[in-house]
Full PDB file with SEQRES, HELIX, SHEET, SSBOND, CRYST1, ORIGX, SCALE, CONECT and MASTER records, all heavy atoms in Angstrom:
SEQRES   1 A   35  GLU TYR THR PRO SER GLN VAL LYS GLN ALA VAL VAL GLY          
SEQRES   2 A   35  TYR GLY LYS ALA GLU LYS HIS GLN VAL MET GLU MET THR          
SEQRES   3 A   35  ARG ARG LEU LEU GLY LEU ALA ALA VAL                          
HELIX    1 AA1 PRO A    4  VAL A   11  1                                   8    
HELIX    2 AA2 LYS A   19  LEU A   30  1                                  12    
CRYST1    1.000    1.000    1.000  90.00  90.00  90.00 P 1           1          
ORIGX1      1.000000  0.000000  0.000000        0.00000                         
ORIGX2      0.000000  1.000000  0.000000        0.00000                         
ORIGX3      0.000000  0.000000  1.000000        0.00000                         
SCALE1      1.000000  0.000000  0.000000        0.00000                         
SCALE2      0.000000  1.000000  0.000000        0.00000                         
SCALE3      0.000000  0.000000  1.000000        0.00000                         
ATOM      1  N   GLU A   1     -84.793  31.850 -91.165  1.00  0.00           N  
ATOM      2  CA  GLU A   1     -86.114  32.083 -90.493  1.00  0.00           C  
ATOM      3  C   GLU A   1     -86.034  31.363 -89.224  1.00  0.00           C  
ATOM      4  O   GLU A   1     -85.646  30.114 -89.062  1.00  0.00           O  
ATOM      5  CB  GLU A   1     -87.231  31.640 -91.340  1.00  0.00           C  
ATOM      6  CG  GLU A   1     -87.213  32.457 -92.666  1.00  0.00           C  
ATOM      7  CD  GLU A   1     -88.340  31.941 -93.590  1.00  0.00           C  
ATOM      8  OE1 GLU A   1     -89.477  32.265 -93.370  1.00  0.00           O  
ATOM      9  OE2 GLU A   1     -88.081  31.438 -94.592  1.00  0.00           O  
ATOM     10  N   TYR A   2     -86.548  31.951 -88.128  1.00  0.00           N  
ATOM     11  CA  TYR A   2     -86.631  31.291 -86.694  1.00  0.00           C  
ATOM     12  C   TYR A   2     -87.976  31.485 -86.187  1.00  0.00           C  
ATOM     13  O   TYR A   2     -88.514  32.545 -86.333  1.00  0.00           O  
ATOM     14  CB  TYR A   2     -85.563  31.870 -85.874  1.00  0.00           C  
ATOM     15  CG  TYR A   2     -84.184  31.631 -86.330  1.00  0.00           C  
ATOM     16  CD1 TYR A   2     -83.441  32.608 -87.162  1.00  0.00           C  
ATOM     17  CD2 TYR A   2     -83.546  30.439 -86.114  1.00  0.00           C  
ATOM     18  CE1 TYR A   2     -82.155  32.377 -87.564  1.00  0.00           C  
ATOM     19  CE2 TYR A   2     -82.105  30.249 -86.484  1.00  0.00           C  
ATOM     20  CZ  TYR A   2     -81.558  31.149 -87.269  1.00  0.00           C  
ATOM     21  OH  TYR A   2     -80.239  30.926 -87.735  1.00  0.00           O  
ATOM     22  N   THR A   3     -88.411  30.451 -85.472  1.00  0.00           N  
ATOM     23  CA  THR A   3     -89.697  30.632 -84.698  1.00  0.00           C  
ATOM     24  C   THR A   3     -89.413  31.379 -83.457  1.00  0.00           C  
ATOM     25  O   THR A   3     -88.328  31.290 -83.009  1.00  0.00           O  
ATOM     26  CB  THR A   3     -90.177  29.105 -84.375  1.00  0.00           C  
ATOM     27  OG1 THR A   3     -89.428  28.489 -83.566  1.00  0.00           O  
ATOM     28  CG2 THR A   3     -90.553  28.412 -85.691  1.00  0.00           C  
ATOM     29  N   PRO A   4     -90.537  31.928 -82.823  1.00  0.00           N  
ATOM     30  CA  PRO A   4     -90.441  32.513 -81.501  1.00  0.00           C  
ATOM     31  C   PRO A   4     -89.773  31.527 -80.586  1.00  0.00           C  
ATOM     32  O   PRO A   4     -88.888  31.965 -79.726  1.00  0.00           O  
ATOM     33  CB  PRO A   4     -91.835  32.923 -81.128  1.00  0.00           C  
ATOM     34  CG  PRO A   4     -92.556  33.111 -82.463  1.00  0.00           C  
ATOM     35  CD  PRO A   4     -91.910  32.083 -83.336  1.00  0.00           C  
ATOM     36  N   SER A   5     -90.171  30.298 -80.521  1.00  0.00           N  
ATOM     37  CA  SER A   5     -89.570  29.338 -79.563  1.00  0.00           C  
ATOM     38  C   SER A   5     -88.032  29.129 -79.826  1.00  0.00           C  
ATOM     39  O   SER A   5     -87.236  28.937 -78.864  1.00  0.00           O  
ATOM     40  CB  SER A   5     -90.254  27.972 -79.782  1.00  0.00           C  
ATOM     41  OG  SER A   5     -91.563  28.116 -79.153  1.00  0.00           O  
ATOM     42  N   GLN A   6     -87.645  29.139 -81.045  1.00  0.00           N  
ATOM     43  CA  GLN A   6     -86.157  28.950 -81.389  1.00  0.00           C  
ATOM     44  C   GLN A   6     -85.417  30.132 -80.914  1.00  0.00           C  
ATOM     45  O   GLN A   6     -84.282  30.014 -80.407  1.00  0.00           O  
ATOM     46  CB  GLN A   6     -85.991  28.770 -82.971  1.00  0.00           C  
ATOM     47  CG  GLN A   6     -86.364  27.448 -83.417  1.00  0.00           C  
ATOM     48  CD  GLN A   6     -86.303  27.363 -84.945  1.00  0.00           C  
ATOM     49  OE1 GLN A   6     -86.850  28.309 -85.567  1.00  0.00           O  
ATOM     50  NE2 GLN A   6     -85.794  26.317 -85.450  1.00  0.00           N  
ATOM     51  N   VAL A   7     -85.938  31.290 -80.951  1.00  0.00           N  
ATOM     52  CA  VAL A   7     -85.254  32.479 -80.523  1.00  0.00           C  
ATOM     53  C   VAL A   7     -85.043  32.480 -78.994  1.00  0.00           C  
ATOM     54  O   VAL A   7     -84.070  32.708 -78.427  1.00  0.00           O  
ATOM     55  CB  VAL A   7     -86.024  33.772 -80.946  1.00  0.00           C  
ATOM     56  CG1 VAL A   7     -85.480  35.036 -80.319  1.00  0.00           C  
ATOM     57  CG2 VAL A   7     -86.095  33.976 -82.449  1.00  0.00           C  
ATOM     58  N   LYS A   8     -86.237  32.148 -78.290  1.00  0.00           N  
ATOM     59  CA  LYS A   8     -86.207  32.000 -76.888  1.00  0.00           C  
ATOM     60  C   LYS A   8     -85.220  30.952 -76.429  1.00  0.00           C  
ATOM     61  O   LYS A   8     -84.358  31.197 -75.480  1.00  0.00           O  
ATOM     62  CB  LYS A   8     -87.615  31.723 -76.329  1.00  0.00           C  
ATOM     63  CG  LYS A   8     -88.607  32.811 -76.512  1.00  0.00           C  
ATOM     64  CD  LYS A   8     -89.983  32.410 -76.238  1.00  0.00           C  
ATOM     65  CE  LYS A   8     -90.943  33.516 -76.461  1.00  0.00           C  
ATOM     66  NZ  LYS A   8     -92.331  33.106 -76.154  1.00  0.00           N  
ATOM     67  N   GLN A   9     -85.177  29.807 -77.075  1.00  0.00           N  
ATOM     68  CA  GLN A   9     -84.166  28.784 -76.763  1.00  0.00           C  
ATOM     69  C   GLN A   9     -82.785  29.229 -76.938  1.00  0.00           C  
ATOM     70  O   GLN A   9     -81.910  28.978 -76.045  1.00  0.00           O  
ATOM     71  CB  GLN A   9     -84.510  27.497 -77.604  1.00  0.00           C  
ATOM     72  CG  GLN A   9     -83.650  26.287 -77.318  1.00  0.00           C  
ATOM     73  CD  GLN A   9     -83.777  25.731 -75.993  1.00  0.00           C  
ATOM     74  OE1 GLN A   9     -84.929  25.572 -75.585  1.00  0.00           O  
ATOM     75  NE2 GLN A   9     -82.749  25.334 -75.285  1.00  0.00           N  
ATOM     76  N   ALA A  10     -82.458  29.942 -78.041  1.00  0.00           N  
ATOM     77  CA  ALA A  10     -81.107  30.274 -78.297  1.00  0.00           C  
ATOM     78  C   ALA A  10     -80.664  31.403 -77.353  1.00  0.00           C  
ATOM     79  O   ALA A  10     -79.484  31.314 -77.051  1.00  0.00           O  
ATOM     80  CB  ALA A  10     -81.007  30.783 -79.781  1.00  0.00           C  
ATOM     81  N   VAL A  11     -81.623  32.346 -76.967  1.00  0.00           N  
ATOM     82  CA  VAL A  11     -81.137  33.448 -76.195  1.00  0.00           C  
ATOM     83  C   VAL A  11     -81.236  33.153 -74.728  1.00  0.00           C  
ATOM     84  O   VAL A  11     -80.171  33.480 -73.937  1.00  0.00           O  
ATOM     85  CB  VAL A  11     -81.969  34.728 -76.547  1.00  0.00           C  
ATOM     86  CG1 VAL A  11     -81.608  35.818 -75.650  1.00  0.00           C  
ATOM     87  CG2 VAL A  11     -81.645  35.069 -78.041  1.00  0.00           C  
ATOM     88  N   VAL A  12     -82.374  32.546 -74.202  1.00  0.00           N  
ATOM     89  CA  VAL A  12     -82.432  32.179 -72.901  1.00  0.00           C  
ATOM     90  C   VAL A  12     -82.138  30.859 -72.418  1.00  0.00           C  
ATOM     91  O   VAL A  12     -81.723  30.619 -71.328  1.00  0.00           O  
ATOM     92  CB  VAL A  12     -84.000  32.610 -72.504  1.00  0.00           C  
ATOM     93  CG1 VAL A  12     -84.140  32.331 -71.002  1.00  0.00           C  
ATOM     94  CG2 VAL A  12     -84.272  34.095 -72.796  1.00  0.00           C  
ATOM     95  N   GLY A  13     -82.370  29.912 -73.328  1.00  0.00           N  
ATOM     96  CA  GLY A  13     -82.093  28.457 -73.041  1.00  0.00           C  
ATOM     97  C   GLY A  13     -83.304  27.740 -72.688  1.00  0.00           C  
ATOM     98  O   GLY A  13     -83.301  26.649 -72.119  1.00  0.00           O  
ATOM     99  N   TYR A  14     -84.509  28.419 -72.798  1.00  0.00           N  
ATOM    100  CA  TYR A  14     -85.741  27.862 -72.577  1.00  0.00           C  
ATOM    101  C   TYR A  14     -86.720  28.401 -73.686  1.00  0.00           C  
ATOM    102  O   TYR A  14     -86.964  29.639 -73.800  1.00  0.00           O  
ATOM    103  CB  TYR A  14     -86.152  28.350 -71.093  1.00  0.00           C  
ATOM    104  CG  TYR A  14     -87.514  27.843 -70.702  1.00  0.00           C  
ATOM    105  CD1 TYR A  14     -87.830  26.416 -70.716  1.00  0.00           C  
ATOM    106  CD2 TYR A  14     -88.576  28.650 -70.298  1.00  0.00           C  
ATOM    107  CE1 TYR A  14     -89.146  26.037 -70.446  1.00  0.00           C  
ATOM    108  CE2 TYR A  14     -89.783  28.345 -69.976  1.00  0.00           C  
ATOM    109  CZ  TYR A  14     -90.110  26.842 -70.025  1.00  0.00           C  
ATOM    110  OH  TYR A  14     -91.389  26.428 -69.492  1.00  0.00           O  
ATOM    111  N   GLY A  15     -87.345  27.371 -74.402  1.00  0.00           N  
ATOM    112  CA  GLY A  15     -88.211  27.796 -75.441  1.00  0.00           C  
ATOM    113  C   GLY A  15     -89.454  28.403 -75.154  1.00  0.00           C  
ATOM    114  O   GLY A  15     -90.196  28.943 -75.991  1.00  0.00           O  
ATOM    115  N   LYS A  16     -89.885  28.363 -73.920  1.00  0.00           N  
ATOM    116  CA  LYS A  16     -91.151  29.111 -73.477  1.00  0.00           C  
ATOM    117  C   LYS A  16     -90.789  30.176 -72.502  1.00  0.00           C  
ATOM    118  O   LYS A  16     -91.768  30.731 -71.679  1.00  0.00           O  
ATOM    119  CB  LYS A  16     -92.056  28.121 -72.716  1.00  0.00           C  
ATOM    120  CG  LYS A  16     -92.497  26.955 -73.620  1.00  0.00           C  
ATOM    121  CD  LYS A  16     -93.415  26.043 -73.046  1.00  0.00           C  
ATOM    122  CE  LYS A  16     -93.838  24.869 -73.966  1.00  0.00           C  
ATOM    123  NZ  LYS A  16     -94.808  23.939 -73.427  1.00  0.00           N  
ATOM    124  N   ALA A  17     -89.596  30.852 -72.648  1.00  0.00           N  
ATOM    125  CA  ALA A  17     -89.379  32.007 -71.783  1.00  0.00           C  
ATOM    126  C   ALA A  17     -90.232  33.298 -72.015  1.00  0.00           C  
ATOM    127  O   ALA A  17     -90.885  33.319 -73.156  1.00  0.00           O  
ATOM    128  CB  ALA A  17     -87.927  32.422 -72.180  1.00  0.00           C  
ATOM    129  N   GLU A  18     -90.438  34.010 -71.079  1.00  0.00           N  
ATOM    130  CA  GLU A  18     -91.196  35.255 -71.171  1.00  0.00           C  
ATOM    131  C   GLU A  18     -90.396  36.328 -71.998  1.00  0.00           C  
ATOM    132  O   GLU A  18     -89.132  36.275 -72.008  1.00  0.00           O  
ATOM    133  CB  GLU A  18     -91.528  35.737 -69.804  1.00  0.00           C  
ATOM    134  CG  GLU A  18     -92.383  34.860 -68.979  1.00  0.00           C  
ATOM    135  CD  GLU A  18     -93.779  34.620 -69.504  1.00  0.00           C  
ATOM    136  OE1 GLU A  18     -94.318  35.499 -70.008  1.00  0.00           O  
ATOM    137  OE2 GLU A  18     -94.238  33.400 -69.331  1.00  0.00           O  
ATOM    138  N   LYS A  19     -91.154  37.307 -72.543  1.00  0.00           N  
ATOM    139  CA  LYS A  19     -90.533  38.308 -73.368  1.00  0.00           C  
ATOM    140  C   LYS A  19     -89.564  39.087 -72.450  1.00  0.00           C  
ATOM    141  O   LYS A  19     -88.353  39.358 -73.117  1.00  0.00           O  
ATOM    142  CB  LYS A  19     -91.583  39.266 -73.847  1.00  0.00           C  
ATOM    143  CG  LYS A  19     -91.199  40.383 -74.808  1.00  0.00           C  
ATOM    144  CD  LYS A  19     -92.253  41.115 -75.305  1.00  0.00           C  
ATOM    145  CE  LYS A  19     -91.895  42.106 -76.331  1.00  0.00           C  
ATOM    146  NZ  LYS A  19     -91.712  41.577 -77.646  1.00  0.00           N  
ATOM    147  N   HIS A  20     -89.849  39.412 -71.387  1.00  0.00           N  
ATOM    148  CA  HIS A  20     -88.845  40.259 -70.423  1.00  0.00           C  
ATOM    149  C   HIS A  20     -87.509  39.416 -70.309  1.00  0.00           C  
ATOM    150  O   HIS A  20     -86.427  40.025 -70.020  1.00  0.00           O  
ATOM    151  CB  HIS A  20     -89.565  40.655 -69.178  1.00  0.00           C  
ATOM    152  CG  HIS A  20     -89.715  39.557 -68.180  1.00  0.00           C  
ATOM    153  ND1 HIS A  20     -88.800  39.183 -67.260  1.00  0.00           N  
ATOM    154  CD2 HIS A  20     -90.852  38.807 -67.959  1.00  0.00           C  
ATOM    155  CE1 HIS A  20     -89.271  38.141 -66.557  1.00  0.00           C  
ATOM    156  NE2 HIS A  20     -90.532  37.970 -67.005  1.00  0.00           N  
ATOM    157  N   GLN A  21     -87.673  38.108 -70.163  1.00  0.00           N  
ATOM    158  CA  GLN A  21     -86.370  37.258 -69.922  1.00  0.00           C  
ATOM    159  C   GLN A  21     -85.561  37.269 -71.228  1.00  0.00           C  
ATOM    160  O   GLN A  21     -84.368  37.427 -71.058  1.00  0.00           O  
ATOM    161  CB  GLN A  21     -86.795  35.890 -69.659  1.00  0.00           C  
ATOM    162  CG  GLN A  21     -87.533  35.681 -68.279  1.00  0.00           C  
ATOM    163  CD  GLN A  21     -87.996  34.213 -68.129  1.00  0.00           C  
ATOM    164  OE1 GLN A  21     -88.809  33.736 -68.941  1.00  0.00           O  
ATOM    165  NE2 GLN A  21     -87.528  33.566 -67.100  1.00  0.00           N  
ATOM    166  N   VAL A  22     -86.202  37.324 -72.434  1.00  0.00           N  
ATOM    167  CA  VAL A  22     -85.376  37.359 -73.585  1.00  0.00           C  
ATOM    168  C   VAL A  22     -84.761  38.695 -73.665  1.00  0.00           C  
ATOM    169  O   VAL A  22     -83.614  38.726 -74.071  1.00  0.00           O  
ATOM    170  CB  VAL A  22     -86.389  37.171 -74.863  1.00  0.00           C  
ATOM    171  CG1 VAL A  22     -85.615  37.277 -76.215  1.00  0.00           C  
ATOM    172  CG2 VAL A  22     -86.912  35.706 -74.736  1.00  0.00           C  
ATOM    173  N   MET A  23     -85.441  39.782 -73.389  1.00  0.00           N  
ATOM    174  CA  MET A  23     -84.822  41.069 -73.564  1.00  0.00           C  
ATOM    175  C   MET A  23     -83.706  41.266 -72.519  1.00  0.00           C  
ATOM    176  O   MET A  23     -82.666  41.812 -72.994  1.00  0.00           O  
ATOM    177  CB  MET A  23     -85.913  42.193 -73.202  1.00  0.00           C  
ATOM    178  CG  MET A  23     -86.925  42.252 -74.345  1.00  0.00           C  
ATOM    179  SD  MET A  23     -88.141  43.602 -73.844  1.00  0.00           S  
ATOM    180  CE  MET A  23     -88.856  43.881 -75.529  1.00  0.00           C  
ATOM    181  N   GLU A  24     -83.885  40.796 -71.329  1.00  0.00           N  
ATOM    182  CA  GLU A  24     -82.813  40.907 -70.358  1.00  0.00           C  
ATOM    183  C   GLU A  24     -81.577  40.095 -70.702  1.00  0.00           C  
ATOM    184  O   GLU A  24     -80.386  40.550 -70.601  1.00  0.00           O  
ATOM    185  CB  GLU A  24     -83.351  40.474 -68.992  1.00  0.00           C  
ATOM    186  CG  GLU A  24     -82.221  40.590 -67.860  1.00  0.00           C  
ATOM    187  CD  GLU A  24     -81.545  41.933 -67.669  1.00  0.00           C  
ATOM    188  OE1 GLU A  24     -82.124  43.024 -68.119  1.00  0.00           O  
ATOM    189  OE2 GLU A  24     -80.433  42.035 -67.149  1.00  0.00           O  
ATOM    190  N   MET A  25     -81.695  38.723 -71.153  1.00  0.00           N  
ATOM    191  CA  MET A  25     -80.670  38.059 -71.599  1.00  0.00           C  
ATOM    192  C   MET A  25     -79.961  38.719 -72.886  1.00  0.00           C  
ATOM    193  O   MET A  25     -78.673  38.514 -73.000  1.00  0.00           O  
ATOM    194  CB  MET A  25     -81.059  36.631 -71.892  1.00  0.00           C  
ATOM    195  CG  MET A  25     -81.243  35.707 -70.671  1.00  0.00           C  
ATOM    196  SD  MET A  25     -79.694  35.777 -69.621  1.00  0.00           S  
ATOM    197  CE  MET A  25     -78.659  34.757 -70.738  1.00  0.00           C  
ATOM    198  N   THR A  26     -80.726  39.206 -73.766  1.00  0.00           N  
ATOM    199  CA  THR A  26     -80.153  39.929 -74.911  1.00  0.00           C  
ATOM    200  C   THR A  26     -79.258  41.023 -74.325  1.00  0.00           C  
ATOM    201  O   THR A  26     -78.078  41.035 -74.857  1.00  0.00           O  
ATOM    202  CB  THR A  26     -81.187  40.470 -75.736  1.00  0.00           C  
ATOM    203  OG1 THR A  26     -82.081  39.286 -76.366  1.00  0.00           O  
ATOM    204  CG2 THR A  26     -80.626  41.206 -77.037  1.00  0.00           C  
ATOM    205  N   ARG A  27     -79.731  41.814 -73.555  1.00  0.00           N  
ATOM    206  CA  ARG A  27     -78.902  42.918 -72.983  1.00  0.00           C  
ATOM    207  C   ARG A  27     -77.612  42.348 -72.264  1.00  0.00           C  
ATOM    208  O   ARG A  27     -76.540  42.834 -72.571  1.00  0.00           O  
ATOM    209  CB  ARG A  27     -79.696  43.684 -71.882  1.00  0.00           C  
ATOM    210  CG  ARG A  27     -79.000  44.814 -71.389  1.00  0.00           C  
ATOM    211  CD  ARG A  27     -79.627  45.434 -70.085  1.00  0.00           C  
ATOM    212  NE  ARG A  27     -79.462  44.584 -68.889  1.00  0.00           N  
ATOM    213  CZ  ARG A  27     -78.328  44.409 -68.181  1.00  0.00           C  
ATOM    214  NH1 ARG A  27     -77.243  44.913 -68.561  1.00  0.00           N  
ATOM    215  NH2 ARG A  27     -78.354  43.480 -67.160  1.00  0.00           N  
ATOM    216  N   ARG A  28     -77.695  41.254 -71.469  1.00  0.00           N  
ATOM    217  CA  ARG A  28     -76.611  40.764 -70.843  1.00  0.00           C  
ATOM    218  C   ARG A  28     -75.555  40.201 -71.783  1.00  0.00           C  
ATOM    219  O   ARG A  28     -74.409  40.322 -71.661  1.00  0.00           O  
ATOM    220  CB  ARG A  28     -76.997  39.652 -69.755  1.00  0.00           C  
ATOM    221  CG  ARG A  28     -77.704  40.221 -68.635  1.00  0.00           C  
ATOM    222  CD  ARG A  28     -77.885  39.122 -67.712  1.00  0.00           C  
ATOM    223  NE  ARG A  28     -78.757  39.619 -66.504  1.00  0.00           N  
ATOM    224  CZ  ARG A  28     -78.977  38.936 -65.479  1.00  0.00           C  
ATOM    225  NH1 ARG A  28     -78.544  37.618 -65.398  1.00  0.00           N  
ATOM    226  NH2 ARG A  28     -79.665  39.404 -64.406  1.00  0.00           N  
ATOM    227  N   LEU A  29     -76.052  39.328 -72.713  1.00  0.00           N  
ATOM    228  CA  LEU A  29     -75.220  38.642 -73.674  1.00  0.00           C  
ATOM    229  C   LEU A  29     -74.397  39.759 -74.623  1.00  0.00           C  
ATOM    230  O   LEU A  29     -73.280  39.440 -74.905  1.00  0.00           O  
ATOM    231  CB  LEU A  29     -75.947  37.648 -74.512  1.00  0.00           C  
ATOM    232  CG  LEU A  29     -76.530  36.486 -73.847  1.00  0.00           C  
ATOM    233  CD1 LEU A  29     -77.534  35.729 -74.752  1.00  0.00           C  
ATOM    234  CD2 LEU A  29     -75.365  35.520 -73.428  1.00  0.00           C  
ATOM    235  N   LEU A  30     -74.960  40.719 -74.886  1.00  0.00           N  
ATOM    236  CA  LEU A  30     -74.263  41.761 -75.715  1.00  0.00           C  
ATOM    237  C   LEU A  30     -73.667  42.867 -74.893  1.00  0.00           C  
ATOM    238  O   LEU A  30     -72.990  43.720 -75.360  1.00  0.00           O  
ATOM    239  CB  LEU A  30     -75.380  42.485 -76.705  1.00  0.00           C  
ATOM    240  CG  LEU A  30     -75.906  41.490 -77.606  1.00  0.00           C  
ATOM    241  CD1 LEU A  30     -76.977  42.242 -78.467  1.00  0.00           C  
ATOM    242  CD2 LEU A  30     -74.776  40.966 -78.604  1.00  0.00           C  
ATOM    243  N   GLY A  31     -73.772  42.834 -73.551  1.00  0.00           N  
ATOM    244  CA  GLY A  31     -73.016  43.713 -72.724  1.00  0.00           C  
ATOM    245  C   GLY A  31     -73.635  45.174 -72.817  1.00  0.00           C  
ATOM    246  O   GLY A  31     -72.790  46.106 -72.701  1.00  0.00           O  
ATOM    247  N   LEU A  32     -74.919  45.266 -73.032  1.00  0.00           N  
ATOM    248  CA  LEU A  32     -75.491  46.524 -73.145  1.00  0.00           C  
ATOM    249  C   LEU A  32     -75.841  47.148 -71.832  1.00  0.00           C  
ATOM    250  O   LEU A  32     -76.282  46.447 -70.872  1.00  0.00           O  
ATOM    251  CB  LEU A  32     -76.778  46.427 -74.028  1.00  0.00           C  
ATOM    252  CG  LEU A  32     -76.464  45.754 -75.332  1.00  0.00           C  
ATOM    253  CD1 LEU A  32     -77.829  45.631 -76.203  1.00  0.00           C  
ATOM    254  CD2 LEU A  32     -75.560  46.698 -76.141  1.00  0.00           C  
ATOM    255  N   ALA A  33     -75.872  48.521 -71.768  1.00  0.00           N  
ATOM    256  CA  ALA A  33     -76.402  49.229 -70.530  1.00  0.00           C  
ATOM    257  C   ALA A  33     -77.811  49.085 -70.293  1.00  0.00           C  
ATOM    258  O   ALA A  33     -78.303  48.969 -69.128  1.00  0.00           O  
ATOM    259  CB  ALA A  33     -76.006  50.555 -70.484  1.00  0.00           C  
ATOM    260  N   ALA A  34     -78.545  48.937 -71.384  1.00  0.00           N  
ATOM    261  CA  ALA A  34     -80.147  48.894 -71.324  1.00  0.00           C  
ATOM    262  C   ALA A  34     -80.501  48.021 -72.402  1.00  0.00           C  
ATOM    263  O   ALA A  34     -79.924  47.810 -73.440  1.00  0.00           O  
ATOM    264  CB  ALA A  34     -80.733  50.375 -71.372  1.00  0.00           C  
ATOM    265  N   VAL A  35     -81.792  47.604 -72.213  1.00  0.00           N  
ATOM    266  CA  VAL A  35     -82.472  46.829 -73.299  1.00  0.00           C  
ATOM    267  C   VAL A  35     -82.774  47.862 -74.510  1.00  0.00           C  
ATOM    268  O   VAL A  35     -83.220  48.877 -74.218  1.00  0.00           O  
ATOM    269  CB  VAL A  35     -83.780  46.284 -72.737  1.00  0.00           C  
ATOM    270  CG1 VAL A  35     -84.638  45.643 -73.853  1.00  0.00           C  
ATOM    271  CG2 VAL A  35     -83.521  45.222 -71.606  1.00  0.00           C  
TER     272      VAL A  35                                                      
MASTER        0    0    0    2    0    0    0    6  271    1    0    3          
END                                                                             
């Protein structure tokens, strides 16, 4: 189980990141064409 802050920290590197930042970094880290 992970808190929203833990997800943001792991994906973006900042625990208070905005939703769009998490989505964009997820796309980039996985090499996806779109979110």
